[in-house]
N, C-alpha and C. Protein backbone atom coordinates (compact mmCIF):
# COMPACT_ATOMS: atom_id res chain seq x y z
N UNK A 1 -57.84 -32.65 39.96
CA UNK A 1 -57.27 -33.69 39.64
C UNK A 1 -56.87 -34.68 40.17
N UNK A 2 -57.40 -35.95 38.78
CA UNK A 2 -57.16 -36.90 39.25
C UNK A 2 -56.06 -38.19 39.65
N UNK A 3 -55.38 -38.46 40.16
CA UNK A 3 -53.92 -38.84 40.65
C UNK A 3 -53.18 -39.65 39.03
N UNK A 4 -52.74 -40.26 39.67
CA UNK A 4 -51.48 -41.53 38.34
C UNK A 4 -51.97 -41.37 37.05
N UNK A 5 -52.90 -39.85 36.51
CA UNK A 5 -52.62 -39.65 34.85
C UNK A 5 -52.05 -38.45 34.01
N UNK A 6 -51.79 -37.65 35.13
CA UNK A 6 -50.78 -36.18 34.45
C UNK A 6 -49.79 -36.70 34.57
N UNK A 7 -48.13 -36.39 32.94
CA UNK A 7 -47.44 -36.79 32.56
C UNK A 7 -46.99 -35.79 34.59
N UNK A 8 -45.42 -36.45 34.87
CA UNK A 8 -45.06 -35.72 35.54
C UNK A 8 -42.92 -35.46 35.08
N UNK A 9 -43.07 -35.47 33.58
CA UNK A 9 -40.94 -35.16 33.74
C UNK A 9 -41.41 -33.87 32.29
N UNK A 10 -41.63 -32.43 32.55
CA UNK A 10 -41.89 -31.68 32.55
C UNK A 10 -40.16 -30.84 32.34
N UNK A 11 -40.75 -30.00 31.17
CA UNK A 11 -39.37 -29.58 30.70
C UNK A 11 -39.25 -28.39 30.18
N UNK A 12 -38.41 -27.76 29.75
CA UNK A 12 -38.23 -26.51 29.45
C UNK A 12 -38.72 -26.57 28.19
N UNK A 13 -39.49 -25.75 27.53
CA UNK A 13 -39.36 -26.62 25.72
C UNK A 13 -38.95 -24.97 25.25
N UNK A 14 -38.66 -25.19 23.62
CA UNK A 14 -39.02 -23.89 22.85
C UNK A 14 -40.26 -24.11 21.65
N UNK A 15 -40.81 -22.92 21.96
CA UNK A 15 -41.75 -23.25 20.45
C UNK A 15 -41.33 -22.28 19.63
N UNK A 16 -41.23 -22.09 18.53
CA UNK A 16 -40.71 -21.49 17.21
C UNK A 16 -41.59 -21.11 16.05
N UNK A 17 -42.80 -20.52 15.46
CA UNK A 17 -43.04 -19.90 14.75
C UNK A 17 -42.41 -19.76 13.54
N UNK A 18 -42.62 -20.65 12.56
CA UNK A 18 -41.67 -20.29 11.30
C UNK A 18 -42.40 -19.42 10.38
N UNK A 19 -43.75 -19.13 10.25
CA UNK A 19 -44.07 -17.38 9.63
C UNK A 19 -43.45 -16.62 10.12
N UNK A 20 -42.57 -16.93 11.57
CA UNK A 20 -42.65 -15.11 11.86
C UNK A 20 -41.15 -15.10 12.94
N UNK A 21 -40.50 -16.74 13.10
CA UNK A 21 -38.95 -16.66 14.07
C UNK A 21 -39.16 -16.19 15.00
N UNK A 22 -40.84 -16.48 15.05
CA UNK A 22 -40.57 -15.68 17.39
C UNK A 22 -41.16 -17.13 17.64
N UNK A 23 -39.36 -16.93 18.67
CA UNK A 23 -39.54 -18.11 19.58
C UNK A 23 -40.48 -17.97 21.08
N UNK A 24 -40.80 -19.01 21.63
CA UNK A 24 -41.27 -18.61 23.83
C UNK A 24 -40.89 -20.71 24.14
N UNK A 25 -40.14 -19.91 25.02
CA UNK A 25 -40.21 -20.84 25.57
C UNK A 25 -41.37 -21.31 26.99
N UNK A 26 -41.32 -22.68 27.47
CA UNK A 26 -42.87 -23.34 28.07
C UNK A 26 -42.15 -24.19 28.43
N UNK A 27 -43.15 -24.91 29.90
CA UNK A 27 -42.79 -26.70 30.55
C UNK A 27 -43.63 -27.23 28.67
N UNK A 28 -42.90 -28.16 28.71
CA UNK A 28 -44.16 -29.69 27.69
C UNK A 28 -43.19 -30.98 28.34
N UNK A 29 -44.55 -31.08 27.95
CA UNK A 29 -43.21 -33.48 27.73
C UNK A 29 -43.60 -33.42 26.65
N UNK A 30 -43.95 -33.01 25.07
CA UNK A 30 -43.54 -33.29 23.79
C UNK A 30 -41.94 -33.58 23.27
N UNK A 31 -41.49 -34.91 22.37
CA UNK A 31 -40.95 -35.55 22.79
C UNK A 31 -39.63 -34.52 21.24
N UNK A 32 -39.00 -33.77 21.04
CA UNK A 32 -38.72 -33.69 20.28
C UNK A 32 -36.82 -34.52 19.77
N UNK A 33 -36.77 -33.72 18.16
CA UNK A 33 -34.52 -34.82 17.96
C UNK A 33 -34.64 -33.22 17.82
N UNK A 34 -34.95 -31.88 17.28
CA UNK A 34 -34.55 -30.86 16.87
C UNK A 34 -33.82 -29.85 18.31
N UNK A 35 -32.79 -29.37 18.40
CA UNK A 35 -32.85 -28.90 19.24
C UNK A 35 -32.39 -26.76 19.62
N UNK A 36 -32.35 -26.17 20.20
CA UNK A 36 -32.43 -24.57 19.46
C UNK A 36 -31.34 -23.84 21.03
N UNK A 37 -29.82 -23.03 20.38
CA UNK A 37 -30.00 -22.74 21.27
C UNK A 37 -29.66 -21.11 21.41
N UNK A 38 -31.17 -20.37 22.89
CA UNK A 38 -30.55 -18.90 22.90
C UNK A 38 -30.47 -18.68 24.15
N UNK A 39 -30.51 -16.91 24.08
CA UNK A 39 -29.54 -17.44 25.28
C UNK A 39 -28.31 -17.84 25.49
N UNK A 40 -26.85 -18.50 25.15
CA UNK A 40 -26.26 -19.69 25.36
C UNK A 40 -27.00 -21.31 26.72
N UNK A 41 -28.47 -21.05 25.91
CA UNK A 41 -28.78 -22.38 27.00
C UNK A 41 -29.87 -23.61 25.24
N UNK A 42 -28.88 -24.21 25.59
CA UNK A 42 -29.86 -25.28 24.69
C UNK A 42 -31.38 -25.94 25.38
N UNK A 43 -32.25 -25.80 24.40
CA UNK A 43 -33.17 -26.26 25.00
C UNK A 43 -34.15 -26.81 23.43
N UNK A 44 -34.84 -27.81 23.62
CA UNK A 44 -35.25 -29.15 22.22
C UNK A 44 -36.64 -27.99 21.72
N UNK A 45 -36.39 -27.98 20.37
CA UNK A 45 -38.00 -27.43 20.00
C UNK A 45 -38.99 -27.62 19.13
N UNK A 46 -39.72 -27.21 19.23
CA UNK A 46 -40.99 -27.59 18.28
C UNK A 46 -41.55 -26.13 16.99
N UNK A 47 -41.21 -26.83 16.43
CA UNK A 47 -41.56 -26.33 15.25
C UNK A 47 -43.15 -25.80 14.70
N UNK A 48 -43.31 -24.84 14.25
CA UNK A 48 -45.82 -24.58 14.22
C UNK A 48 -45.67 -24.09 13.20
N UNK A 49 -46.85 -23.77 12.53
CA UNK A 49 -46.65 -22.80 11.09
C UNK A 49 -47.27 -21.72 12.12
N UNK A 50 -47.62 -21.96 12.90
CA UNK A 50 -48.74 -20.69 13.19
C UNK A 50 -48.89 -20.38 14.20
N UNK A 51 -48.46 -18.89 14.84
CA UNK A 51 -48.98 -19.22 16.94
C UNK A 51 -50.12 -18.02 17.15
N UNK A 52 -49.83 -17.42 18.22
CA UNK A 52 -51.28 -15.70 18.75
C UNK A 52 -50.08 -14.05 17.30
N UNK A 53 -48.81 -14.96 17.41
CA UNK A 53 -47.77 -13.77 17.55
C UNK A 53 -48.21 -14.13 15.45
N UNK A 54 -49.50 -14.79 14.43
CA UNK A 54 -48.74 -15.02 13.55
C UNK A 54 -50.10 -15.51 12.63
N UNK A 55 -51.09 -15.45 13.61
CA UNK A 55 -52.33 -15.91 13.67
C UNK A 55 -53.23 -14.20 13.18
N UNK A 56 -53.89 -14.28 11.88
CA UNK A 56 -55.30 -13.29 11.83
C UNK A 56 -55.70 -12.47 12.56
N UNK A 57 -56.51 -13.54 13.29
CA UNK A 57 -57.16 -13.58 14.89
C UNK A 57 -56.87 -12.93 15.48
N UNK A 58 -55.47 -12.50 15.92
CA UNK A 58 -54.38 -12.19 17.49
C UNK A 58 -53.94 -10.73 16.61
N UNK A 59 -53.47 -10.66 15.29
CA UNK A 59 -52.31 -9.47 14.69
C UNK A 59 -53.60 -8.30 13.96
N UNK A 60 -54.95 -9.06 13.87
CA UNK A 60 -55.88 -7.77 13.42
C UNK A 60 -55.83 -7.81 11.20
N UNK A 61 -54.69 -8.49 10.93
CA UNK A 61 -53.90 -9.47 9.78
C UNK A 61 -54.73 -10.15 8.81
N UNK A 62 -55.31 -9.21 7.76
CA UNK A 62 -55.98 -10.50 7.14
C UNK A 62 -54.87 -11.05 5.66
N UNK A 63 -54.01 -11.92 4.93
CA UNK A 63 -54.08 -12.85 4.99
C UNK A 63 -54.26 -13.12 3.70
N UNK A 64 -54.15 -12.45 2.42
CA UNK A 64 -55.04 -13.33 1.44
C UNK A 64 -54.16 -14.27 0.34
N UNK A 65 -54.85 -15.02 0.32
CA UNK A 65 -54.51 -16.71 -0.08
C UNK A 65 -55.31 -16.18 -1.62
N UNK A 66 -54.88 -17.02 -2.13
CA UNK A 66 -55.09 -17.19 -3.79
C UNK A 66 -55.72 -18.57 -4.13
N UNK A 67 -57.20 -18.32 -3.17
CA UNK A 67 -58.30 -19.09 -4.04
C UNK A 67 -58.59 -19.75 -5.06
N UNK A 68 -58.68 -19.11 -5.78
CA UNK A 68 -58.91 -19.23 -7.50
C UNK A 68 -58.44 -19.94 -8.07
N UNK A 69 -56.83 -20.18 -7.64
CA UNK A 69 -55.21 -20.91 -7.90
C UNK A 69 -55.15 -21.51 -7.57
N UNK A 70 -55.86 -21.61 -6.46
CA UNK A 70 -55.99 -23.70 -5.53
C UNK A 70 -56.94 -24.14 -5.97
N UNK A 71 -58.76 -23.61 -5.89
CA UNK A 71 -59.49 -24.09 -7.25
C UNK A 71 -59.14 -24.98 -8.20
N UNK A 72 -58.62 -24.10 -9.41
CA UNK A 72 -58.28 -24.59 -10.48
C UNK A 72 -56.83 -25.68 -10.48
N UNK A 73 -56.35 -25.29 -9.90
CA UNK A 73 -55.36 -27.33 -9.42
C UNK A 73 -56.02 -28.25 -8.83
N UNK A 74 -57.02 -27.70 -7.89
CA UNK A 74 -57.84 -29.43 -7.53
C UNK A 74 -59.05 -29.42 -8.79
N UNK A 75 -59.34 -28.23 -9.51
CA UNK A 75 -60.20 -29.08 -10.92
C UNK A 75 -59.28 -29.92 -11.70
N UNK A 76 -58.15 -29.13 -11.89
CA UNK A 76 -56.94 -30.39 -13.32
C UNK A 76 -56.48 -31.35 -12.52
N UNK A 77 -56.75 -31.88 -11.15
CA UNK A 77 -56.12 -32.74 -11.24
C UNK A 77 -56.88 -33.70 -10.94
N UNK A 78 -58.04 -32.89 -10.61
CA UNK A 78 -59.31 -34.10 -11.03
C UNK A 78 -60.54 -34.53 -11.34
N UNK A 79 -60.05 -33.50 -12.76
CA UNK A 79 -60.62 -33.44 -13.55
C UNK A 79 -61.16 -35.24 -14.30
N UNK A 80 -59.43 -36.15 -13.86
CA UNK A 80 -60.33 -36.82 -14.83
C UNK A 80 -61.20 -38.15 -14.28
N UNK A 81 -61.43 -37.40 -12.43
CA UNK A 81 -62.27 -38.60 -12.08
C UNK A 81 -63.87 -37.50 -12.34
N UNK A 82 -63.53 -36.41 -13.02
CA UNK A 82 -64.79 -35.77 -12.29
C UNK A 82 -65.88 -36.38 -13.98
N UNK A 83 -64.44 -36.73 -15.28
CA UNK A 83 -65.35 -36.68 -15.94
C UNK A 83 -66.14 -38.20 -16.24
N UNK A 84 -65.51 -39.51 -15.61
CA UNK A 84 -66.54 -40.09 -15.24
C UNK A 84 -67.65 -40.34 -14.89
N UNK A 85 -68.46 -39.68 -13.92
CA UNK A 85 -69.79 -38.93 -13.72
C UNK A 85 -70.80 -39.18 -14.74
N UNK A 86 -72.11 -39.98 -14.19
CA UNK A 86 -72.58 -39.64 -15.98
C UNK A 86 -73.21 -38.35 -15.77
């Protein structure tokens, strides 16, 4: 490793998956404003939308999305822009 390019201010940080409320603690240099208390210890918290505990690749569960509804919303939102083209 090159010297002088890696941060040295590692601290314990809690990462929280907001889709299933699972948390895990690891060392990180990420800056956070929020904190969480786990087992009587206060940690800075980083909120994640998805992690290995909720991602379909790791869980084996497929989450169906309403793709038809999303396409209709897109077409309705941009219909006036699409009509202008010849």
